[in-house]
């Protein structure tokens, strides 16, 4: 619909549309726009010869192939190496992440391209025949996440109990972050309980150091807020790094 508005809405059959334009029009985060466009191209719903070419709706709807989306997802999965395979444990590269989001920490060596795996603090070599990094079904480690919160935010509101409502909020945040991918590598932030606990520990440590919102707006900050999708995405994107006024 957004593409139709931006093309036929302005009496155009095709137009060069940027990711930011489509994100503003749809409300979808920019990191998901490129993936969505690739899926629409694969399904033959839109026509786009390259990333910088005009975008147009394929008006011949009988040629649309809505089953192609699954094939695109499978192809993307095959492009990445399984996180728990081929990991070199010796001599990990130390990366300074203080000035960036914990999801965006990445480094490329002079001799070989490597992808930084935020889940394990080790390097994962990239090859053309890498298997998929699969997310495993796992129970939410409520108590461990609570302990991490208490460790990194000792002066903030501390929950008295882990009741059903709070467990539900924490689990929703745990599952939401588990569905997110590294913005540079495309790999999941974490795939199991162990890597998830490690990522949340880094995320909370980074938040405590960098998010001014957490430091100055104590009455608004709690474990319930931290595990909302809005807070997770906002902190990752740096929306709370400064406080206006």
C-alpha atoms as a PDB file:
ATOM      1  CA  UNK A   1       0.000   0.000   0.000  1.00  0.00           C
ATOM      2  CA  UNK A   2       2.847   2.387   0.830  1.00  0.00           C
ATOM      3  CA  UNK A   3       4.443   1.796  -2.582  1.00  0.00           C
ATOM      4  CA  UNK A   4       1.099   2.360  -4.317  1.00  0.00           C
ATOM      5  CA  UNK A   5       0.670   5.639  -2.444  1.00  0.00           C
ATOM      6  CA  UNK A   6       4.183   6.756  -3.356  1.00  0.00           C
ATOM      7  CA  UNK A   7       3.764   5.860  -7.042  1.00  0.00           C
ATOM      8  CA  UNK A   8       0.195   5.868  -8.320  1.00  0.00           C
ATOM      9  CA  UNK A   9      -0.713   8.377  -5.615  1.00  0.00           C
ATOM     10  CA  UNK A  10       1.558  10.851  -7.412  1.00  0.00           C
ATOM     11  CA  UNK A  11       0.504   9.757 -10.903  1.00  0.00           C
ATOM     12  CA  UNK A  12       3.647   7.679 -11.339  1.00  0.00           C
ATOM     13  CA  UNK A  13       3.996   4.055 -12.377  1.00  0.00           C
ATOM     14  CA  UNK A  14       7.379   3.759 -10.656  1.00  0.00           C
ATOM     15  CA  UNK A  15       9.601   5.859  -8.427  1.00  0.00           C
ATOM     16  CA  UNK A  16      12.929   5.658  -6.616  1.00  0.00           C
ATOM     17  CA  UNK A  17      11.917   5.187  -2.986  1.00  0.00           C
ATOM     18  CA  UNK A  18      14.352   5.179  -0.094  1.00  0.00           C
ATOM     19  CA  UNK A  19      14.191   2.902   2.920  1.00  0.00           C
ATOM     20  CA  UNK A  20      13.586   5.907   5.171  1.00  0.00           C
ATOM     21  CA  UNK A  21      10.628   7.038   3.047  1.00  0.00           C
ATOM     22  CA  UNK A  22       8.971   3.645   3.251  1.00  0.00           C
ATOM     23  CA  UNK A  23       9.733   3.350   6.963  1.00  0.00           C
ATOM     24  CA  UNK A  24       8.105   6.715   7.636  1.00  0.00           C
ATOM     25  CA  UNK A  25       5.071   5.811   5.557  1.00  0.00           C
ATOM     26  CA  UNK A  26       4.535   2.337   7.026  1.00  0.00           C
ATOM     27  CA  UNK A  27       5.790   2.680  10.570  1.00  0.00           C
ATOM     28  CA  UNK A  28       8.038  -0.340  10.009  1.00  0.00           C
ATOM     29  CA  UNK A  29      11.583  -0.055  11.364  1.00  0.00           C
ATOM     30  CA  UNK A  30      14.195   0.629   8.671  1.00  0.00           C
ATOM     31  CA  UNK A  31      16.104  -2.565   9.479  1.00  0.00           C
ATOM     32  CA  UNK A  32      13.063  -4.581   8.333  1.00  0.00           C
ATOM     33  CA  UNK A  33      12.269  -2.605   5.155  1.00  0.00           C
ATOM     34  CA  UNK A  34      15.095  -4.071   3.033  1.00  0.00           C
ATOM     35  CA  UNK A  35      14.107  -7.607   4.001  1.00  0.00           C
ATOM     36  CA  UNK A  36      10.471  -6.929   3.172  1.00  0.00           C
ATOM     37  CA  UNK A  37      11.379  -5.440  -0.220  1.00  0.00           C
ATOM     38  CA  UNK A  38      13.508  -8.475  -1.057  1.00  0.00           C
ATOM     39  CA  UNK A  39      10.594 -10.755  -0.229  1.00  0.00           C
ATOM     40  CA  UNK A  40       8.189  -8.716  -2.378  1.00  0.00           C
ATOM     41  CA  UNK A  41      10.636  -8.818  -5.296  1.00  0.00           C
ATOM     42  CA  UNK A  42      11.018 -12.582  -4.905  1.00  0.00           C
ATOM     43  CA  UNK A  43       7.245 -12.969  -4.900  1.00  0.00           C
ATOM     44  CA  UNK A  44       7.079 -10.806  -8.057  1.00  0.00           C
ATOM     45  CA  UNK A  45       4.708  -8.399  -6.298  1.00  0.00           C
ATOM     46  CA  UNK A  46       7.000  -5.448  -6.985  1.00  0.00           C
ATOM     47  CA  UNK A  47       9.525  -4.831  -9.739  1.00  0.00           C
ATOM     48  CA  UNK A  48      12.996  -3.601  -8.803  1.00  0.00           C
ATOM     49  CA  UNK A  49      16.112  -4.307 -10.860  1.00  0.00           C
ATOM     50  CA  UNK A  50      18.609  -3.154  -8.227  1.00  0.00           C
ATOM     51  CA  UNK A  51      18.754  -1.447  -4.832  1.00  0.00           C
ATOM     52  CA  UNK A  52      19.028   1.972  -6.490  1.00  0.00           C
ATOM     53  CA  UNK A  53      16.498   1.463  -9.262  1.00  0.00           C
ATOM     54  CA  UNK A  54      12.871   2.568  -9.295  1.00  0.00           C
ATOM     55  CA  UNK A  55      10.244   0.500  -7.517  1.00  0.00           C
ATOM     56  CA  UNK A  56       6.959  -0.359  -9.215  1.00  0.00           C
ATOM     57  CA  UNK A  57       3.969  -2.552  -8.462  1.00  0.00           C
ATOM     58  CA  UNK A  58       3.638  -5.537 -10.797  1.00  0.00           C
ATOM     59  CA  UNK A  59       0.113  -4.973 -12.064  1.00  0.00           C
ATOM     60  CA  UNK A  60      -0.067  -8.467 -13.532  1.00  0.00           C
ATOM     61  CA  UNK A  61      -1.164 -10.025 -10.268  1.00  0.00           C
ATOM     62  CA  UNK A  62      -1.614 -13.438 -11.843  1.00  0.00           C
ATOM     63  CA  UNK A  63       2.193 -13.666 -11.988  1.00  0.00           C
ATOM     64  CA  UNK A  64       2.600 -13.117  -8.240  1.00  0.00           C
ATOM     65  CA  UNK A  65       4.124 -16.058  -6.392  1.00  0.00           C
ATOM     66  CA  UNK A  66       3.238 -15.719  -2.724  1.00  0.00           C
ATOM     67  CA  UNK A  67       4.981 -18.995  -1.881  1.00  0.00           C
ATOM     68  CA  UNK A  68       8.375 -17.505  -2.729  1.00  0.00           C
ATOM     69  CA  UNK A  69       8.647 -15.800   0.660  1.00  0.00           C
ATOM     70  CA  UNK A  70       9.466 -19.102   2.336  1.00  0.00           C
ATOM     71  CA  UNK A  71      12.187 -19.737  -0.246  1.00  0.00           C
ATOM     72  CA  UNK A  72      13.722 -16.319   0.442  1.00  0.00           C
ATOM     73  CA  UNK A  73      13.824 -16.995   4.169  1.00  0.00           C
ATOM     74  CA  UNK A  74      15.434 -20.385   3.630  1.00  0.00           C
ATOM     75  CA  UNK A  75      18.035 -18.872   1.301  1.00  0.00           C
ATOM     76  CA  UNK A  76      18.921 -16.238   3.879  1.00  0.00           C
ATOM     77  CA  UNK A  77      19.291 -18.873   6.568  1.00  0.00           C
ATOM     78  CA  UNK A  78      21.714 -20.871   4.435  1.00  0.00           C
ATOM     79  CA  UNK A  79      23.875 -17.764   4.055  1.00  0.00           C
ATOM     80  CA  UNK A  80      24.954 -17.733   7.688  1.00  0.00           C
ATOM     81  CA  UNK A  81      27.105 -20.054   9.734  1.00  0.00           C
ATOM     82  CA  UNK A  82      25.603 -21.849  12.685  1.00  0.00           C
ATOM     83  CA  UNK A  83      26.643 -19.947  15.796  1.00  0.00           C
ATOM     84  CA  UNK A  84      27.687 -22.971  17.796  1.00  0.00           C
ATOM     85  CA  UNK A  85      29.790 -24.513  15.015  1.00  0.00           C
ATOM     86  CA  UNK A  86      33.218 -23.466  13.806  1.00  0.00           C
ATOM     87  CA  UNK A  87      33.781 -21.019  16.655  1.00  0.00           C
ATOM     88  CA  UNK A  88      37.422 -20.365  17.500  1.00  0.00           C
ATOM     89  CA  UNK A  89      37.826 -20.072  21.252  1.00  0.00           C
ATOM     90  CA  UNK A  90      41.471 -18.947  21.193  1.00  0.00           C
ATOM     91  CA  UNK A  91      42.571 -15.322  20.864  1.00  0.00           C
ATOM     92  CA  UNK A  92      39.180 -13.600  20.585  1.00  0.00           C
ATOM     93  CA  UNK A  93      39.266 -10.090  19.144  1.00  0.00           C
ATOM     94  CA  UNK A  94      38.587  -7.449  21.758  1.00  0.00           C
ATOM     95  CA  UNK A  95      36.160  -4.841  20.459  1.00  0.00           C
ATOM     96  CA  UNK A  96      35.361  -1.553  22.149  1.00  0.00           C
ATOM     97  CA  UNK A  97      31.569  -1.257  22.121  1.00  0.00           C
ATOM     98  CA  UNK A  98      31.094   1.680  24.487  1.00  0.00           C
ATOM     99  CA  UNK A  99      30.086   4.096  21.745  1.00  0.00           C
ATOM    100  CA  UNK A 100      27.749   1.746  19.911  1.00  0.00           C
ATOM    101  CA  UNK A 101      24.715  -0.401  20.459  1.00  0.00           C
ATOM    102  CA  UNK A 102      25.501  -3.891  21.799  1.00  0.00           C
ATOM    103  CA  UNK A 103      23.827  -5.287  18.682  1.00  0.00           C
ATOM    104  CA  UNK A 104      25.989  -3.365  16.260  1.00  0.00           C
ATOM    105  CA  UNK A 105      29.476  -4.276  17.512  1.00  0.00           C
ATOM    106  CA  UNK A 106      31.403  -5.550  14.508  1.00  0.00           C
ATOM    107  CA  UNK A 107      34.972  -5.638  13.198  1.00  0.00           C
ATOM    108  CA  UNK A 108      36.636  -6.624   9.902  1.00  0.00           C
ATOM    109  CA  UNK A 109      40.289  -7.724   9.946  1.00  0.00           C
ATOM    110  CA  UNK A 110      42.760  -6.734   7.233  1.00  0.00           C
ATOM    111  CA  UNK A 111      43.275 -10.304   6.057  1.00  0.00           C
ATOM    112  CA  UNK A 112      39.909 -11.950   6.428  1.00  0.00           C
ATOM    113  CA  UNK A 113      36.308 -10.806   6.840  1.00  0.00           C
ATOM    114  CA  UNK A 114      34.837 -11.922  10.130  1.00  0.00           C
ATOM    115  CA  UNK A 115      31.467 -11.434  11.670  1.00  0.00           C
ATOM    116  CA  UNK A 116      31.283 -10.480  15.301  1.00  0.00           C
ATOM    117  CA  UNK A 117      29.013 -12.756  17.273  1.00  0.00           C
ATOM    118  CA  UNK A 118      27.525 -10.687  20.117  1.00  0.00           C
ATOM    119  CA  UNK A 119      26.170 -13.854  21.701  1.00  0.00           C
ATOM    120  CA  UNK A 120      29.496 -15.527  22.544  1.00  0.00           C
ATOM    121  CA  UNK A 121      32.148 -12.750  22.358  1.00  0.00           C
ATOM    122  CA  UNK A 122      34.056 -14.774  19.770  1.00  0.00           C
ATOM    123  CA  UNK A 123      34.588 -14.512  16.035  1.00  0.00           C
ATOM    124  CA  UNK A 124      32.613 -16.507  13.500  1.00  0.00           C
ATOM    125  CA  UNK A 125      34.300 -16.989  10.136  1.00  0.00           C
ATOM    126  CA  UNK A 126      32.158 -16.278   7.102  1.00  0.00           C
ATOM    127  CA  UNK A 127      32.001 -18.734   4.204  1.00  0.00           C
ATOM    128  CA  UNK A 128      29.736 -19.163   1.211  1.00  0.00           C
ATOM    129  CA  UNK A 129      28.395 -22.492   2.446  1.00  0.00           C
ATOM    130  CA  UNK A 130      27.524 -21.677   6.021  1.00  0.00           C
ATOM    131  CA  UNK A 131      24.591 -23.423   7.730  1.00  0.00           C
ATOM    132  CA  UNK A 132      21.777 -21.639   9.522  1.00  0.00           C
ATOM    133  CA  UNK A 133      21.990 -20.350  13.101  1.00  0.00           C
ATOM    134  CA  UNK A 134      18.822 -21.829  14.536  1.00  0.00           C
ATOM    135  CA  UNK A 135      16.949 -20.622  17.588  1.00  0.00           C
ATOM    136  CA  UNK A 136      16.268 -23.374  20.093  1.00  0.00           C
ATOM    137  CA  UNK A 137      13.121 -23.732  22.138  1.00  0.00           C
ATOM    138  CA  UNK A 138      14.095 -22.757  25.657  1.00  0.00           C
ATOM    139  CA  UNK A 139      12.469 -21.758  28.930  1.00  0.00           C
ATOM    140  CA  UNK A 140      12.846 -18.163  30.050  1.00  0.00           C
ATOM    141  CA  UNK A 141      15.467 -17.941  32.872  1.00  0.00           C
ATOM    142  CA  UNK A 142      13.444 -15.561  35.053  1.00  0.00           C
ATOM    143  CA  UNK A 143      15.589 -15.787  38.174  1.00  0.00           C
ATOM    144  CA  UNK A 144      18.872 -15.292  36.323  1.00  0.00           C
ATOM    145  CA  UNK A 145      17.515 -12.267  34.462  1.00  0.00           C
ATOM    146  CA  UNK A 146      16.311 -10.811  37.753  1.00  0.00           C
ATOM    147  CA  UNK A 147      19.784 -11.295  39.236  1.00  0.00           C
ATOM    148  CA  UNK A 148      21.346  -9.540  36.228  1.00  0.00           C
ATOM    149  CA  UNK A 149      18.943  -6.630  36.673  1.00  0.00           C
ATOM    150  CA  UNK A 150      19.795  -6.348  40.370  1.00  0.00           C
ATOM    151  CA  UNK A 151      23.507  -6.496  39.551  1.00  0.00           C
ATOM    152  CA  UNK A 152      23.503  -3.766  36.907  1.00  0.00           C
ATOM    153  CA  UNK A 153      20.766  -1.503  38.323  1.00  0.00           C
ATOM    154  CA  UNK A 154      21.160  -1.686  42.120  1.00  0.00           C
ATOM    155  CA  UNK A 155      19.787   1.844  42.655  1.00  0.00           C
ATOM    156  CA  UNK A 156      16.677   1.385  40.517  1.00  0.00           C
ATOM    157  CA  UNK A 157      13.273   0.036  41.446  1.00  0.00           C
ATOM    158  CA  UNK A 158      13.696  -3.530  42.634  1.00  0.00           C
ATOM    159  CA  UNK A 159      10.837  -6.016  42.247  1.00  0.00           C
ATOM    160  CA  UNK A 160       9.710  -7.585  45.491  1.00  0.00           C
ATOM    161  CA  UNK A 161       8.416 -10.747  43.832  1.00  0.00           C
ATOM    162  CA  UNK A 162       8.429 -12.543  40.516  1.00  0.00           C
ATOM    163  CA  UNK A 163       4.683 -12.973  40.208  1.00  0.00           C
ATOM    164  CA  UNK A 164       2.852 -14.340  37.193  1.00  0.00           C
ATOM    165  CA  UNK A 165       2.344 -10.888  35.674  1.00  0.00           C
ATOM    166  CA  UNK A 166       6.021  -9.941  35.935  1.00  0.00           C
ATOM    167  CA  UNK A 167       7.122 -13.332  34.624  1.00  0.00           C
ATOM    168  CA  UNK A 168       4.853 -12.826  31.632  1.00  0.00           C
ATOM    169  CA  UNK A 169       6.421  -9.420  30.917  1.00  0.00           C
ATOM    170  CA  UNK A 170       9.965 -10.773  31.242  1.00  0.00           C
ATOM    171  CA  UNK A 171       9.192 -13.746  29.010  1.00  0.00           C
ATOM    172  CA  UNK A 172       7.714 -11.472  26.343  1.00  0.00           C
ATOM    173  CA  UNK A 173      10.889  -9.364  26.382  1.00  0.00           C
ATOM    174  CA  UNK A 174      13.081 -12.469  26.304  1.00  0.00           C
ATOM    175  CA  UNK A 175      11.221 -13.881  23.287  1.00  0.00           C
ATOM    176  CA  UNK A 176      11.133 -10.497  21.521  1.00  0.00           C
ATOM    177  CA  UNK A 177      14.907 -10.034  21.720  1.00  0.00           C
ATOM    178  CA  UNK A 178      15.448 -13.656  20.704  1.00  0.00           C
ATOM    179  CA  UNK A 179      13.635 -12.930  17.418  1.00  0.00           C
ATOM    180  CA  UNK A 180      15.900  -9.969  16.633  1.00  0.00           C
ATOM    181  CA  UNK A 181      18.931 -10.287  14.382  1.00  0.00           C
ATOM    182  CA  UNK A 182      22.326  -8.576  14.508  1.00  0.00           C
ATOM    183  CA  UNK A 183      22.009  -5.484  12.282  1.00  0.00           C
ATOM    184  CA  UNK A 184      25.315  -6.182  10.511  1.00  0.00           C
ATOM    185  CA  UNK A 185      25.667  -9.976  10.398  1.00  0.00           C
ATOM    186  CA  UNK A 186      22.016 -10.965  10.228  1.00  0.00           C
ATOM    187  CA  UNK A 187      22.609 -13.605  12.912  1.00  0.00           C
ATOM    188  CA  UNK A 188      20.204 -13.980  15.845  1.00  0.00           C
ATOM    189  CA  UNK A 189      21.170 -12.044  18.966  1.00  0.00           C
ATOM    190  CA  UNK A 190      20.973 -15.336  20.828  1.00  0.00           C
ATOM    191  CA  UNK A 191      19.729 -18.834  20.117  1.00  0.00           C
ATOM    192  CA  UNK A 192      19.532 -20.605  23.476  1.00  0.00           C
ATOM    193  CA  UNK A 193      19.418 -19.985  27.215  1.00  0.00           C
ATOM    194  CA  UNK A 194      23.164 -19.691  27.722  1.00  0.00           C
ATOM    195  CA  UNK A 195      23.790 -17.223  24.906  1.00  0.00           C
ATOM    196  CA  UNK A 196      20.617 -15.336  25.866  1.00  0.00           C
ATOM    197  CA  UNK A 197      21.755 -14.809  29.438  1.00  0.00           C
ATOM    198  CA  UNK A 198      25.128 -13.608  28.155  1.00  0.00           C
ATOM    199  CA  UNK A 199      23.511 -11.152  25.717  1.00  0.00           C
ATOM    200  CA  UNK A 200      21.144  -9.734  28.334  1.00  0.00           C
ATOM    201  CA  UNK A 201      24.061  -9.269  30.717  1.00  0.00           C
ATOM    202  CA  UNK A 202      25.924  -7.246  28.079  1.00  0.00           C
ATOM    203  CA  UNK A 203      22.779  -5.361  27.128  1.00  0.00           C
ATOM    204  CA  UNK A 204      22.072  -4.346  30.724  1.00  0.00           C
ATOM    205  CA  UNK A 205      25.702  -3.382  31.341  1.00  0.00           C
ATOM    206  CA  UNK A 206      25.703  -1.254  28.197  1.00  0.00           C
ATOM    207  CA  UNK A 207      22.370   0.309  29.145  1.00  0.00           C
ATOM    208  CA  UNK A 208      23.608   1.200  32.628  1.00  0.00           C
ATOM    209  CA  UNK A 209      26.656   2.940  31.130  1.00  0.00           C
ATOM    210  CA  UNK A 210      25.117   4.695  28.158  1.00  0.00           C
ATOM    211  CA  UNK A 211      21.425   5.417  28.560  1.00  0.00           C
ATOM    212  CA  UNK A 212      21.017   8.759  30.320  1.00  0.00           C
ATOM    213  CA  UNK A 213      17.311   8.001  30.641  1.00  0.00           C
ATOM    214  CA  UNK A 214      18.154   5.238  33.093  1.00  0.00           C
ATOM    215  CA  UNK A 215      20.342   7.503  35.160  1.00  0.00           C
ATOM    216  CA  UNK A 216      18.060  10.548  35.423  1.00  0.00           C
ATOM    217  CA  UNK A 217      14.511   9.226  35.128  1.00  0.00           C
ATOM    218  CA  UNK A 218      14.621   6.675  37.914  1.00  0.00           C
ATOM    219  CA  UNK A 219      10.885   6.758  38.616  1.00  0.00           C
ATOM    220  CA  UNK A 220      10.175   5.586  35.060  1.00  0.00           C
ATOM    221  CA  UNK A 221      12.758   2.818  35.002  1.00  0.00           C
ATOM    222  CA  UNK A 222      11.934  -0.686  36.204  1.00  0.00           C
ATOM    223  CA  UNK A 223      12.457  -4.291  35.199  1.00  0.00           C
ATOM    224  CA  UNK A 224       8.910  -4.300  33.810  1.00  0.00           C
ATOM    225  CA  UNK A 225       9.763  -1.389  31.503  1.00  0.00           C
ATOM    226  CA  UNK A 226      13.164  -2.786  30.508  1.00  0.00           C
ATOM    227  CA  UNK A 227      11.620  -5.981  29.114  1.00  0.00           C
ATOM    228  CA  UNK A 228       9.060  -4.248  26.885  1.00  0.00           C
ATOM    229  CA  UNK A 229       9.594  -4.306  23.123  1.00  0.00           C
ATOM    230  CA  UNK A 230       9.516  -0.492  23.088  1.00  0.00           C
ATOM    231  CA  UNK A 231      12.316  -0.255  25.642  1.00  0.00           C
ATOM    232  CA  UNK A 232      14.483  -2.936  24.028  1.00  0.00           C
ATOM    233  CA  UNK A 233      14.286  -1.414  20.567  1.00  0.00           C
ATOM    234  CA  UNK A 234      14.551   2.148  21.874  1.00  0.00           C
ATOM    235  CA  UNK A 235      17.671   1.405  23.904  1.00  0.00           C
ATOM    236  CA  UNK A 236      19.285  -0.446  21.010  1.00  0.00           C
ATOM    237  CA  UNK A 237      18.568   2.464  18.674  1.00  0.00           C
ATOM    238  CA  UNK A 238      19.913   5.019  21.158  1.00  0.00           C
ATOM    239  CA  UNK A 239      16.616   6.821  21.750  1.00  0.00           C
ATOM    240  CA  UNK A 240      17.286   7.120  25.481  1.00  0.00           C
ATOM    241  CA  UNK A 241      20.953   8.101  25.309  1.00  0.00           C
ATOM    242  CA  UNK A 242      20.120  11.738  26.020  1.00  0.00           C
ATOM    243  CA  UNK A 243      17.418  13.491  27.966  1.00  0.00           C
ATOM    244  CA  UNK A 244      15.770  16.613  26.554  1.00  0.00           C
ATOM    245  CA  UNK A 245      15.416  19.600  28.802  1.00  0.00           C
END
